[in-house]
Amino acid sequence: MIRLWRNRPLLTTAFLLACAATLFFSGRFVVQTVYWATHQELPVRPWMTVGYIARSWGLEPMALDLEAGLPLPEVKGHPQPLSEIAKERGVPVEDIIAEVEAAIVTLRVKQKAPGE
């Protein structure tokens, strides 16, 4: 390897950088795959954002926002947790959670309907 480094330092450096990038992205892929495999269909909690809930339940975040009547992330410039949405509306967070759970049921029924 040292002889190769001396003869072709640029090529060897590029190869090592490509190996490092491959390891980094492979590791990231494995971590995300394991995380989401163990976080499927989680109960809705106040700290969750709509995007997190949608990913956990295998739904489109935009569809969940629209079905539950929640603001899109573009409204504030960042995704809002359900507790923040409830505080802005002046309602208990349990009401927002109930709306989201009802929207999940509706969207799951719509997902199954075309396949039958």
PDB file of N, CA and C in Angstrom:
ATOM      1  N   MET A   1       0.822  -1.201   0.000  1.00  0.00           N
ATOM      2  CA  MET A   1       0.000   0.000   0.000  1.00  0.00           C
ATOM      3  C   MET A   1       0.866   1.266   0.000  1.00  0.00           C
ATOM      4  N   ILE A   2       1.957   1.198   0.733  1.00  0.00           N
ATOM      5  CA  ILE A   2       2.837   2.374   0.795  1.00  0.00           C
ATOM      6  C   ILE A   2       3.476   2.621  -0.568  1.00  0.00           C
ATOM      7  N   ARG A   3       3.839   1.536  -1.241  1.00  0.00           N
ATOM      8  CA  ARG A   3       4.426   1.687  -2.578  1.00  0.00           C
ATOM      9  C   ARG A   3       3.403   2.317  -3.534  1.00  0.00           C
ATOM     10  N   LEU A   4       2.166   1.868  -3.426  1.00  0.00           N
ATOM     11  CA  LEU A   4       1.097   2.433  -4.254  1.00  0.00           C
ATOM     12  C   LEU A   4       0.901   3.914  -3.934  1.00  0.00           C
ATOM     13  N   TRP A   5       0.966   4.256  -2.648  1.00  0.00           N
ATOM     14  CA  TRP A   5       0.819   5.656  -2.214  1.00  0.00           C
ATOM     15  C   TRP A   5       1.928   6.517  -2.823  1.00  0.00           C
ATOM     16  N   ARG A   6       3.155   6.006  -2.827  1.00  0.00           N
ATOM     17  CA  ARG A   6       4.285   6.768  -3.369  1.00  0.00           C
ATOM     18  C   ARG A   6       4.182   6.925  -4.888  1.00  0.00           C
ATOM     19  N   ASN A   7       3.720   5.862  -5.552  1.00  0.00           N
ATOM     20  CA  ASN A   7       3.644   5.906  -7.018  1.00  0.00           C
ATOM     21  C   ASN A   7       2.449   6.723  -7.512  1.00  0.00           C
ATOM     22  N   ARG A   8       1.328   6.617  -6.851  1.00  0.00           N
ATOM     23  CA  ARG A   8       0.111   7.298  -7.297  1.00  0.00           C
ATOM     24  C   ARG A   8      -0.630   7.899  -6.095  1.00  0.00           C
ATOM     25  N   PRO A   9      -0.130   8.986  -5.554  1.00  0.00           N
ATOM     26  CA  PRO A   9      -0.740   9.549  -4.340  1.00  0.00           C
ATOM     27  C   PRO A   9      -2.162  10.090  -4.567  1.00  0.00           C
ATOM     28  N   LEU A  10      -2.414  10.712  -5.697  1.00  0.00           N
ATOM     29  CA  LEU A  10      -3.750  11.248  -5.963  1.00  0.00           C
ATOM     30  C   LEU A  10      -4.778  10.136  -6.111  1.00  0.00           C
ATOM     31  N   LEU A  11      -4.427   9.119  -6.869  1.00  0.00           N
ATOM     32  CA  LEU A  11      -5.335   7.997  -7.092  1.00  0.00           C
ATOM     33  C   LEU A  11      -5.607   7.255  -5.782  1.00  0.00           C
ATOM     34  N   THR A  12      -4.576   7.050  -4.985  1.00  0.00           N
ATOM     35  CA  THR A  12      -4.735   6.365  -3.709  1.00  0.00           C
ATOM     36  C   THR A  12      -5.601   7.195  -2.758  1.00  0.00           C
ATOM     37  N   THR A  13      -5.392   8.486  -2.727  1.00  0.00           N
ATOM     38  CA  THR A  13      -6.197   9.365  -1.871  1.00  0.00           C
ATOM     39  C   THR A  13      -7.661   9.342  -2.303  1.00  0.00           C
ATOM     40  N   ALA A  14      -7.882   9.405  -3.599  1.00  0.00           N
ATOM     41  CA  ALA A  14      -9.266   9.369  -4.100  1.00  0.00           C
ATOM     42  C   ALA A  14      -9.936   8.047  -3.748  1.00  0.00           C
ATOM     43  N   PHE A  15      -9.193   6.953  -3.864  1.00  0.00           N
ATOM     44  CA  PHE A  15      -9.738   5.637  -3.520  1.00  0.00           C
ATOM     45  C   PHE A  15     -10.085   5.577  -2.030  1.00  0.00           C
ATOM     46  N   LEU A  16      -9.214   6.047  -1.169  1.00  0.00           N
ATOM     47  CA  LEU A  16      -9.466   6.016   0.274  1.00  0.00           C
ATOM     48  C   LEU A  16     -10.645   6.921   0.652  1.00  0.00           C
ATOM     49  N   LEU A  17     -10.767   8.070  -0.005  1.00  0.00           N
ATOM     50  CA  LEU A  17     -11.913   8.950   0.252  1.00  0.00           C
ATOM     51  C   LEU A  17     -13.213   8.297  -0.208  1.00  0.00           C
ATOM     52  N   ALA A  18     -13.173   7.615  -1.327  1.00  0.00           N
ATOM     53  CA  ALA A  18     -14.364   6.903  -1.807  1.00  0.00           C
ATOM     54  C   ALA A  18     -14.744   5.786  -0.843  1.00  0.00           C
ATOM     55  N   CYS A  19     -13.759   5.077  -0.321  1.00  0.00           N
ATOM     56  CA  CYS A  19     -14.035   4.020   0.679  1.00  0.00           C
ATOM     57  C   CYS A  19     -14.639   4.620   1.939  1.00  0.00           C
ATOM     58  N   ALA A  20     -14.094   5.735   2.401  1.00  0.00           N
ATOM     59  CA  ALA A  20     -14.622   6.385   3.609  1.00  0.00           C
ATOM     60  C   ALA A  20     -16.057   6.853   3.393  1.00  0.00           C
ATOM     61  N   ALA A  21     -16.343   7.447   2.235  1.00  0.00           N
ATOM     62  CA  ALA A  21     -17.703   7.900   1.939  1.00  0.00           C
ATOM     63  C   ALA A  21     -18.668   6.717   1.875  1.00  0.00           C
ATOM     64  N   THR A  22     -18.224   5.631   1.268  1.00  0.00           N
ATOM     65  CA  THR A  22     -19.062   4.431   1.188  1.00  0.00           C
ATOM     66  C   THR A  22     -19.370   3.892   2.570  1.00  0.00           C
ATOM     67  N   LEU A  23     -18.389   3.821   3.432  1.00  0.00           N
ATOM     68  CA  LEU A  23     -18.607   3.355   4.805  1.00  0.00           C
ATOM     69  C   LEU A  23     -19.563   4.274   5.563  1.00  0.00           C
ATOM     70  N   PHE A  24     -19.377   5.576   5.412  1.00  0.00           N
ATOM     71  CA  PHE A  24     -20.233   6.541   6.103  1.00  0.00           C
ATOM     72  C   PHE A  24     -21.690   6.375   5.690  1.00  0.00           C
ATOM     73  N   PHE A  25     -21.944   6.373   4.388  1.00  0.00           N
ATOM     74  CA  PHE A  25     -23.330   6.293   3.918  1.00  0.00           C
ATOM     75  C   PHE A  25     -23.942   4.914   4.145  1.00  0.00           C
ATOM     76  N   SER A  26     -23.135   3.871   4.089  1.00  0.00           N
ATOM     77  CA  SER A  26     -23.640   2.533   4.409  1.00  0.00           C
ATOM     78  C   SER A  26     -24.048   2.451   5.879  1.00  0.00           C
ATOM     79  N   GLY A  27     -23.218   2.994   6.747  1.00  0.00           N
ATOM     80  CA  GLY A  27     -23.541   3.003   8.170  1.00  0.00           C
ATOM     81  C   GLY A  27     -24.784   3.813   8.461  1.00  0.00           C
ATOM     82  N   ARG A  28     -24.901   4.944   7.820  1.00  0.00           N
ATOM     83  CA  ARG A  28     -26.086   5.786   8.003  1.00  0.00           C
ATOM     84  C   ARG A  28     -27.357   5.067   7.535  1.00  0.00           C
ATOM     85  N   PHE A  29     -27.259   4.380   6.413  1.00  0.00           N
ATOM     86  CA  PHE A  29     -28.386   3.617   5.888  1.00  0.00           C
ATOM     87  C   PHE A  29     -28.806   2.521   6.866  1.00  0.00           C
ATOM     88  N   VAL A  30     -27.842   1.799   7.396  1.00  0.00           N
ATOM     89  CA  VAL A  30     -28.148   0.717   8.339  1.00  0.00           C
ATOM     90  C   VAL A  30     -28.798   1.265   9.606  1.00  0.00           C
ATOM     91  N   VAL A  31     -28.267   2.351  10.139  1.00  0.00           N
ATOM     92  CA  VAL A  31     -28.830   2.941  11.360  1.00  0.00           C
ATOM     93  C   VAL A  31     -30.269   3.389  11.128  1.00  0.00           C
ATOM     94  N   GLN A  32     -30.539   4.081  10.029  1.00  0.00           N
ATOM     95  CA  GLN A  32     -31.899   4.536   9.753  1.00  0.00           C
ATOM     96  C   GLN A  32     -32.843   3.371   9.497  1.00  0.00           C
ATOM     97  N   THR A  33     -32.368   2.347   8.825  1.00  0.00           N
ATOM     98  CA  THR A  33     -33.210   1.179   8.562  1.00  0.00           C
ATOM     99  C   THR A  33     -33.587   0.483   9.854  1.00  0.00           C
ATOM    100  N   VAL A  34     -32.631   0.281  10.726  1.00  0.00           N
ATOM    101  CA  VAL A  34     -32.914  -0.370  12.007  1.00  0.00           C
ATOM    102  C   VAL A  34     -33.835   0.500  12.855  1.00  0.00           C
ATOM    103  N   TYR A  35     -33.587   1.817  12.886  1.00  0.00           N
ATOM    104  CA  TYR A  35     -34.419   2.712  13.684  1.00  0.00           C
ATOM    105  C   TYR A  35     -35.875   2.653  13.245  1.00  0.00           C
ATOM    106  N   TRP A  36     -36.125   2.817  11.944  1.00  0.00           N
ATOM    107  CA  TRP A  36     -37.509   2.866  11.475  1.00  0.00           C
ATOM    108  C   TRP A  36     -38.165   1.490  11.461  1.00  0.00           C
ATOM    109  N   ALA A  37     -37.376   0.431  11.419  1.00  0.00           N
ATOM    110  CA  ALA A  37     -37.946  -0.908  11.517  1.00  0.00           C
ATOM    111  C   ALA A  37     -38.495  -1.173  12.913  1.00  0.00           C
ATOM    112  N   THR A  38     -37.911  -0.523  13.902  1.00  0.00           N
ATOM    113  CA  THR A  38     -38.361  -0.716  15.285  1.00  0.00           C
ATOM    114  C   THR A  38     -39.321   0.376  15.745  1.00  0.00           C
ATOM    115  N   HIS A  39     -39.616   1.334  14.901  1.00  0.00           N
ATOM    116  CA  HIS A  39     -40.501   2.442  15.280  1.00  0.00           C
ATOM    117  C   HIS A  39     -41.706   2.529  14.348  1.00  0.00           C
ATOM    118  N   GLN A  40     -42.330   1.403  14.069  1.00  0.00           N
ATOM    119  CA  GLN A  40     -43.501   1.363  13.200  1.00  0.00           C
ATOM    120  C   GLN A  40     -44.779   1.466  14.023  1.00  0.00           C
ATOM    121  N   GLU A  41     -45.717   2.270  13.544  1.00  0.00           N
ATOM    122  CA  GLU A  41     -47.046   2.423  14.133  1.00  0.00           C
ATOM    123  C   GLU A  41     -46.994   2.730  15.635  1.00  0.00           C
ATOM    124  N   LEU A  42     -46.163   3.696  15.974  1.00  0.00           N
ATOM    125  CA  LEU A  42     -46.061   4.121  17.367  1.00  0.00           C
ATOM    126  C   LEU A  42     -47.312   4.893  17.778  1.00  0.00           C
ATOM    127  N   PRO A  43     -47.704   4.806  19.059  1.00  0.00           N
ATOM    128  CA  PRO A  43     -48.815   5.637  19.528  1.00  0.00           C
ATOM    129  C   PRO A  43     -48.447   7.119  19.388  1.00  0.00           C
ATOM    130  N   VAL A  44     -49.426   7.926  19.046  1.00  0.00           N
ATOM    131  CA  VAL A  44     -49.183   9.359  18.836  1.00  0.00           C
ATOM    132  C   VAL A  44     -48.935  10.029  20.187  1.00  0.00           C
ATOM    133  N   ARG A  45     -47.855  10.811  20.263  1.00  0.00           N
ATOM    134  CA  ARG A  45     -47.461  11.515  21.484  1.00  0.00           C
ATOM    135  C   ARG A  45     -47.348  13.016  21.196  1.00  0.00           C
ATOM    136  N   PRO A  46     -47.469  13.853  22.223  1.00  0.00           N
ATOM    137  CA  PRO A  46     -47.417  15.309  22.014  1.00  0.00           C
ATOM    138  C   PRO A  46     -46.108  15.819  21.418  1.00  0.00           C
ATOM    139  N   TRP A  47     -44.985  15.159  21.654  1.00  0.00           N
ATOM    140  CA  TRP A  47     -43.693  15.642  21.159  1.00  0.00           C
ATOM    141  C   TRP A  47     -43.477  15.362  19.680  1.00  0.00           C
ATOM    142  N   MET A  48     -44.313  14.522  19.085  1.00  0.00           N
ATOM    143  CA  MET A  48     -44.118  14.107  17.691  1.00  0.00           C
ATOM    144  C   MET A  48     -44.554  15.195  16.714  1.00  0.00           C
ATOM    145  N   THR A  49     -43.844  15.253  15.597  1.00  0.00           N
ATOM    146  CA  THR A  49     -44.269  16.112  14.499  1.00  0.00           C
ATOM    147  C   THR A  49     -45.118  15.270  13.553  1.00  0.00           C
ATOM    148  N   VAL A  50     -45.833  15.937  12.661  1.00  0.00           N
ATOM    149  CA  VAL A  50     -46.675  15.219  11.708  1.00  0.00           C
ATOM    150  C   VAL A  50     -45.814  14.345  10.793  1.00  0.00           C
ATOM    151  N   GLY A  51     -44.658  14.844  10.399  1.00  0.00           N
ATOM    152  CA  GLY A  51     -43.768  14.064   9.547  1.00  0.00           C
ATOM    153  C   GLY A  51     -43.303  12.781  10.226  1.00  0.00           C
ATOM    154  N   TYR A  52     -42.984  12.862  11.510  1.00  0.00           N
ATOM    155  CA  TYR A  52     -42.555  11.686  12.263  1.00  0.00           C
ATOM    156  C   TYR A  52     -43.691  10.680  12.359  1.00  0.00           C
ATOM    157  N   ILE A  53     -44.882  11.168  12.653  1.00  0.00           N
ATOM    158  CA  ILE A  53     -46.048  10.296  12.763  1.00  0.00           C
ATOM    159  C   ILE A  53     -46.321   9.622  11.419  1.00  0.00           C
ATOM    160  N   ALA A  54     -46.291  10.406  10.356  1.00  0.00           N
ATOM    161  CA  ALA A  54     -46.564   9.871   9.024  1.00  0.00           C
ATOM    162  C   ALA A  54     -45.537   8.803   8.643  1.00  0.00           C
ATOM    163  N   ARG A  55     -44.293   9.044   8.943  1.00  0.00           N
ATOM    164  CA  ARG A  55     -43.251   8.064   8.612  1.00  0.00           C
ATOM    165  C   ARG A  55     -43.443   6.790   9.421  1.00  0.00           C
ATOM    166  N   SER A  56     -43.806   6.948  10.684  1.00  0.00           N
ATOM    167  CA  SER A  56     -44.029   5.788  11.543  1.00  0.00           C
ATOM    168  C   SER A  56     -45.195   4.936  11.051  1.00  0.00           C
ATOM    169  N   TRP A  57     -46.216   5.583  10.519  1.00  0.00           N
ATOM    170  CA  TRP A  57     -47.417   4.869  10.071  1.00  0.00           C
ATOM    171  C   TRP A  57     -47.419   4.573   8.575  1.00  0.00           C
ATOM    172  N   GLY A  58     -46.365   4.965   7.859  1.00  0.00           N
ATOM    173  CA  GLY A  58     -46.286   4.675   6.429  1.00  0.00           C
ATOM    174  C   GLY A  58     -47.241   5.506   5.597  1.00  0.00           C
ATOM    175  N   LEU A  59     -47.423   6.769   5.979  1.00  0.00           N
ATOM    176  CA  LEU A  59     -48.344   7.664   5.274  1.00  0.00           C
ATOM    177  C   LEU A  59     -47.581   8.855   4.713  1.00  0.00           C
ATOM    178  N   GLU A  60     -48.228   9.586   3.833  1.00  0.00           N
ATOM    179  CA  GLU A  60     -47.660  10.823   3.302  1.00  0.00           C
ATOM    180  C   GLU A  60     -47.900  11.943   4.314  1.00  0.00           C
ATOM    181  N   PRO A  61     -46.851  12.679   4.710  1.00  0.00           N
ATOM    182  CA  PRO A  61     -47.028  13.749   5.687  1.00  0.00           C
ATOM    183  C   PRO A  61     -48.023  14.820   5.248  1.00  0.00           C
ATOM    184  N   MET A  62     -47.980  15.193   3.968  1.00  0.00           N
ATOM    185  CA  MET A  62     -48.890  16.228   3.465  1.00  0.00           C
ATOM    186  C   MET A  62     -50.343  15.757   3.566  1.00  0.00           C
ATOM    187  N   ALA A  63     -50.592  14.498   3.236  1.00  0.00           N
ATOM    188  CA  ALA A  63     -51.953  13.955   3.318  1.00  0.00           C
ATOM    189  C   ALA A  63     -52.438  13.928   4.760  1.00  0.00           C
ATOM    190  N   LEU A  64     -51.537  13.585   5.686  1.00  0.00           N
ATOM    191  CA  LEU A  64     -51.908  13.570   7.103  1.00  0.00           C
ATOM    192  C   LEU A  64     -52.203  14.981   7.605  1.00  0.00           C
ATOM    193  N   ASP A  65     -51.395  15.947   7.192  1.00  0.00           N
ATOM    194  CA  ASP A  65     -51.649  17.352   7.543  1.00  0.00           C
ATOM    195  C   ASP A  65     -53.038  17.788   7.077  1.00  0.00           C
ATOM    196  N   LEU A  66     -53.332  17.508   5.824  1.00  0.00           N
ATOM    197  CA  LEU A  66     -54.609  17.941   5.246  1.00  0.00           C
ATOM    198  C   LEU A  66     -55.792  17.219   5.881  1.00  0.00           C
ATOM    199  N   GLU A  67     -55.668  15.911   6.100  1.00  0.00           N
ATOM    200  CA  GLU A  67     -56.764  15.131   6.664  1.00  0.00           C
ATOM    201  C   GLU A  67     -57.063  15.536   8.105  1.00  0.00           C
ATOM    202  N   ALA A  68     -56.017  15.851   8.874  1.00  0.00           N
ATOM    203  CA  ALA A  68     -56.198  16.229  10.274  1.00  0.00           C
ATOM    204  C   ALA A  68     -56.453  17.727  10.443  1.00  0.00           C
ATOM    205  N   GLY A  69     -56.301  18.495   9.371  1.00  0.00           N
ATOM    206  CA  GLY A  69     -56.510  19.941   9.457  1.00  0.00           C
ATOM    207  C   GLY A  69     -55.399  20.657  10.195  1.00  0.00           C
ATOM    208  N   LEU A  70     -54.183  20.164  10.062  1.00  0.00           N
ATOM    209  CA  LEU A  70     -53.033  20.757  10.744  1.00  0.00           C
ATOM    210  C   LEU A  70     -52.269  21.667   9.797  1.00  0.00           C
ATOM    211  N   PRO A  71     -51.530  22.641  10.349  1.00  0.00           N
ATOM    212  CA  PRO A  71     -50.763  23.543   9.483  1.00  0.00           C
ATOM    213  C   PRO A  71     -49.591  22.817   8.832  1.00  0.00           C
ATOM    214  N   LEU A  72     -49.280  23.192   7.615  1.00  0.00           N
ATOM    215  CA  LEU A  72     -48.136  22.627   6.913  1.00  0.00           C
ATOM    216  C   LEU A  72     -46.847  23.181   7.519  1.00  0.00           C
ATOM    217  N   PRO A  73     -45.723  22.475   7.378  1.00  0.00           N
ATOM    218  CA  PRO A  73     -44.460  22.953   7.938  1.00  0.00           C
ATOM    219  C   PRO A  73     -44.038  24.320   7.404  1.00  0.00           C
ATOM    220  N   GLU A  74     -44.504  24.663   6.189  1.00  0.00           N
ATOM    221  CA  GLU A  74     -44.117  25.941   5.598  1.00  0.00           C
ATOM    222  C   GLU A  74     -44.706  27.134   6.347  1.00  0.00           C
ATOM    223  N   VAL A  75     -45.744  26.909   7.136  1.00  0.00           N
ATOM    224  CA  VAL A  75     -46.392  28.007   7.859  1.00  0.00           C
ATOM    225  C   VAL A  75     -45.411  28.650   8.833  1.00  0.00           C
ATOM    226  N   LYS A  76     -44.695  27.843   9.592  1.00  0.00           N
ATOM    227  CA  LYS A  76     -43.727  28.356  10.562  1.00  0.00           C
ATOM    228  C   LYS A  76     -42.293  28.283  10.055  1.00  0.00           C
ATOM    229  N   GLY A  77     -42.090  27.570   8.979  1.00  0.00           N
ATOM    230  CA  GLY A  77     -40.738  27.407   8.472  1.00  0.00           C
ATOM    231  C   GLY A  77     -40.039  26.180   9.043  1.00  0.00           C
ATOM    232  N   HIS A  78     -40.711  25.470   9.928  1.00  0.00           N
ATOM    233  CA  HIS A  78     -40.170  24.239  10.503  1.00  0.00           C
ATOM    234  C   HIS A  78     -41.331  23.361  10.949  1.00  0.00           C
ATOM    235  N   PRO A  79     -41.102  22.054  11.039  1.00  0.00           N
ATOM    236  CA  PRO A  79     -42.174  21.173  11.519  1.00  0.00           C
ATOM    237  C   PRO A  79     -42.486  21.475  12.990  1.00  0.00           C
ATOM    238  N   GLN A  80     -43.763  21.487  13.312  1.00  0.00           N
ATOM    239  CA  GLN A  80     -44.185  21.772  14.680  1.00  0.00           C
ATOM    240  C   GLN A  80     -44.622  20.492  15.380  1.00  0.00           C
ATOM    241  N   PRO A  81     -44.226  20.316  16.640  1.00  0.00           N
ATOM    242  CA  PRO A  81     -44.766  19.186  17.389  1.00  0.00           C
ATOM    243  C   PRO A  81     -46.246  19.424  17.696  1.00  0.00           C
ATOM    244  N   LEU A  82     -46.964  18.363  17.973  1.00  0.00           N
ATOM    245  CA  LEU A  82     -48.398  18.489  18.242  1.00  0.00           C
ATOM    246  C   LEU A  82     -48.675  19.381  19.448  1.00  0.00           C
ATOM    247  N   SER A  83     -47.803  19.348  20.451  1.00  0.00           N
ATOM    248  CA  SER A  83     -48.002  20.190  21.634  1.00  0.00           C
ATOM    249  C   SER A  83     -47.964  21.678  21.280  1.00  0.00           C
ATOM    250  N   GLU A  84     -47.090  22.047  20.354  1.00  0.00           N
ATOM    251  CA  GLU A  84     -46.999  23.451  19.923  1.00  0.00           C
ATOM    252  C   GLU A  84     -48.244  23.859  19.137  1.00  0.00           C
ATOM    253  N   ILE A  85     -48.743  22.967  18.291  1.00  0.00           N
ATOM    254  CA  ILE A  85     -49.956  23.246  17.521  1.00  0.00           C
ATOM    255  C   ILE A  85     -51.140  23.433  18.471  1.00  0.00           C
ATOM    256  N   ALA A  86     -51.227  22.560  19.485  1.00  0.00           N
ATOM    257  CA  ALA A  86     -52.322  22.658  20.459  1.00  0.00           C
ATOM    258  C   ALA A  86     -52.236  23.965  21.241  1.00  0.00           C
ATOM    259  N   LYS A  87     -51.026  24.366  21.610  1.00  0.00           N
ATOM    260  CA  LYS A  87     -50.848  25.609  22.370  1.00  0.00           C
ATOM    261  C   LYS A  87     -51.290  26.811  21.540  1.00  0.00           C
ATOM    262  N   GLU A  88     -50.938  26.818  20.250  1.00  0.00           N
ATOM    263  CA  GLU A  88     -51.333  27.919  19.375  1.00  0.00           C
ATOM    264  C   GLU A  88     -52.848  27.990  19.192  1.00  0.00           C
ATOM    265  N   ARG A  89     -53.493  26.834  19.132  1.00  0.00           N
ATOM    266  CA  ARG A  89     -54.946  26.798  18.959  1.00  0.00           C
ATOM    267  C   ARG A  89     -55.698  27.023  20.269  1.00  0.00           C
ATOM    268  N   GLY A  90     -54.990  26.872  21.382  1.00  0.00           N
ATOM    269  CA  GLY A  90     -55.630  27.046  22.683  1.00  0.00           C
ATOM    270  C   GLY A  90     -56.530  25.885  23.063  1.00  0.00           C
ATOM    271  N   VAL A  91     -56.173  24.690  22.606  1.00  0.00           N
ATOM    272  CA  VAL A  91     -56.951  23.489  22.920  1.00  0.00           C
ATOM    273  C   VAL A  91     -56.028  22.476  23.591  1.00  0.00           C
ATOM    274  N   PRO A  92     -56.597  21.511  24.308  1.00  0.00           N
ATOM    275  CA  PRO A  92     -55.747  20.472  24.900  1.00  0.00           C
ATOM    276  C   PRO A  92     -55.076  19.633  23.815  1.00  0.00           C
ATOM    277  N   VAL A  93     -53.881  19.187  24.090  1.00  0.00           N
ATOM    278  CA  VAL A  93     -53.132  18.407  23.110  1.00  0.00           C
ATOM    279  C   VAL A  93     -53.840  17.083  22.816  1.00  0.00           C
ATOM    280  N   GLU A  94     -54.645  16.597  23.746  1.00  0.00           N
ATOM    281  CA  GLU A  94     -55.392  15.357  23.518  1.00  0.00           C
ATOM    282  C   GLU A  94     -56.371  15.512  22.354  1.00  0.00           C
ATOM    283  N   ASP A  95     -56.918  16.718  22.176  1.00  0.00           N
ATOM    284  CA  ASP A  95     -57.821  16.969  21.044  1.00  0.00           C
ATOM    285  C   ASP A  95     -57.075  16.852  19.714  1.00  0.00           C
ATOM    286  N   ILE A  96     -55.882  17.407  19.664  1.00  0.00           N
ATOM    287  CA  ILE A  96     -55.069  17.338  18.445  1.00  0.00           C
ATOM    288  C   ILE A  96     -54.677  15.880  18.174  1.00  0.00           C
ATOM    289  N   ILE A  97     -54.297  15.162  19.229  1.00  0.00           N
ATOM    290  CA  ILE A  97     -53.928  13.761  19.073  1.00  0.00           C
ATOM    291  C   ILE A  97     -55.114  12.960  18.544  1.00  0.00           C
ATOM    292  N   ALA A  98     -56.316  13.243  19.064  1.00  0.00           N
ATOM    293  CA  ALA A  98     -57.518  12.541  18.589  1.00  0.00           C
ATOM    294  C   ALA A  98     -57.764  12.825  17.107  1.00  0.00           C
ATOM    295  N   GLU A  99     -57.562  14.073  16.672  1.00  0.00           N
ATOM    296  CA  GLU A  99     -57.724  14.425  15.263  1.00  0.00           C
ATOM    297  C   GLU A  99     -56.718  13.673  14.390  1.00  0.00           C
ATOM    298  N   VAL A 100     -55.485  13.596  14.862  1.00  0.00           N
ATOM    299  CA  VAL A 100     -54.440  12.904  14.100  1.00  0.00           C
ATOM    300  C   VAL A 100     -54.745  11.408  14.029  1.00  0.00           C
ATOM    301  N   GLU A 101     -55.167  10.822  15.140  1.00  0.00           N
ATOM    302  CA  GLU A 101     -55.496   9.392  15.135  1.00  0.00           C
ATOM    303  C   GLU A 101     -56.674   9.090  14.207  1.00  0.00           C
ATOM    304  N   ALA A 102     -57.657   9.971  14.187  1.00  0.00           N
ATOM    305  CA  ALA A 102     -58.789   9.788  13.267  1.00  0.00           C
ATOM    306  C   ALA A 102     -58.319   9.904  11.816  1.00  0.00           C
ATOM    307  N   ALA A 103     -57.417  10.836  11.557  1.00  0.00           N
ATOM    308  CA  ALA A 103     -56.881  11.001  10.204  1.00  0.00           C
ATOM    309  C   ALA A 103     -56.069   9.779   9.786  1.00  0.00           C
ATOM    310  N   ILE A 104     -55.337   9.194  10.722  1.00  0.00           N
ATOM    311  CA  ILE A 104     -54.561   7.986  10.424  1.00  0.00           C
ATOM    312  C   ILE A 104     -55.495   6.860  10.007  1.00  0.00           C
ATOM    313  N   VAL A 105     -56.578   6.677  10.759  1.00  0.00           N
ATOM    314  CA  VAL A 105     -57.545   5.622  10.436  1.00  0.00           C
ATOM    315  C   VAL A 105     -58.139   5.859   9.047  1.00  0.00           C
ATOM    316  N   THR A 106     -58.531   7.091   8.775  1.00  0.00           N
ATOM    317  CA  THR A 106     -59.116   7.429   7.470  1.00  0.00           C
ATOM    318  C   THR A 106     -58.135   7.164   6.336  1.00  0.00           C
ATOM    319  N   LEU A 107     -56.901   7.593   6.506  1.00  0.00           N
ATOM    320  CA  LEU A 107     -55.896   7.411   5.451  1.00  0.00           C
ATOM    321  C   LEU A 107     -55.537   5.936   5.261  1.00  0.00           C
ATOM    322  N   ARG A 108     -55.513   5.174   6.334  1.00  0.00           N
ATOM    323  CA  ARG A 108     -55.226   3.735   6.219  1.00  0.00           C
ATOM    324  C   ARG A 108     -56.341   3.031   5.444  1.00  0.00           C
ATOM    325  N   VAL A 109     -57.593   3.443   5.694  1.00  0.00           N
ATOM    326  CA  VAL A 109     -58.727   2.865   4.963  1.00  0.00           C
ATOM    327  C   VAL A 109     -58.612   3.215   3.475  1.00  0.00           C
ATOM    328  N   LYS A 110     -58.242   4.463   3.185  1.00  0.00           N
ATOM    329  CA  LYS A 110     -58.079   4.895   1.787  1.00  0.00           C
ATOM    330  C   LYS A 110     -56.938   4.136   1.116  1.00  0.00           C
ATOM    331  N   GLN A 111     -55.884   3.828   1.858  1.00  0.00           N
ATOM    332  CA  GLN A 111     -54.763   3.072   1.289  1.00  0.00           C
ATOM    333  C   GLN A 111     -55.178   1.649   0.914  1.00  0.00           C
ATOM    334  N   LYS A 112     -55.996   1.038   1.750  1.00  0.00           N
ATOM    335  CA  LYS A 112     -56.397  -0.350   1.515  1.00  0.00           C
ATOM    336  C   LYS A 112     -57.476  -0.476   0.447  1.00  0.00           C
ATOM    337  N   ALA A 113     -58.308   0.556   0.295  1.00  0.00           N
ATOM    338  CA  ALA A 113     -59.435   0.499  -0.631  1.00  0.00           C
ATOM    339  C   ALA A 113     -59.008   0.246  -2.088  1.00  0.00           C
ATOM    340  N   PRO A 114     -58.010   0.951  -2.661  1.00  0.00           N
ATOM    341  CA  PRO A 114     -57.671   0.730  -4.068  1.00  0.00           C
ATOM    342  C   PRO A 114     -57.147  -0.682  -4.337  1.00  0.00           C
ATOM    343  N   GLY A 115     -56.530  -1.323  -3.377  1.00  0.00           N
ATOM    344  CA  GLY A 115     -55.930  -2.636  -3.585  1.00  0.00           C
ATOM    345  C   GLY A 115     -56.935  -3.777  -3.541  1.00  0.00           C
ATOM    346  N   GLU A 116     -58.110  -3.547  -3.023  1.00  0.00           N
ATOM    347  CA  GLU A 116     -59.094  -4.623  -2.875  1.00  0.00           C
ATOM    348  C   GLU A 116     -59.867  -4.867  -4.156  1.00  0.00           C
TER     349      GLU A 116
END
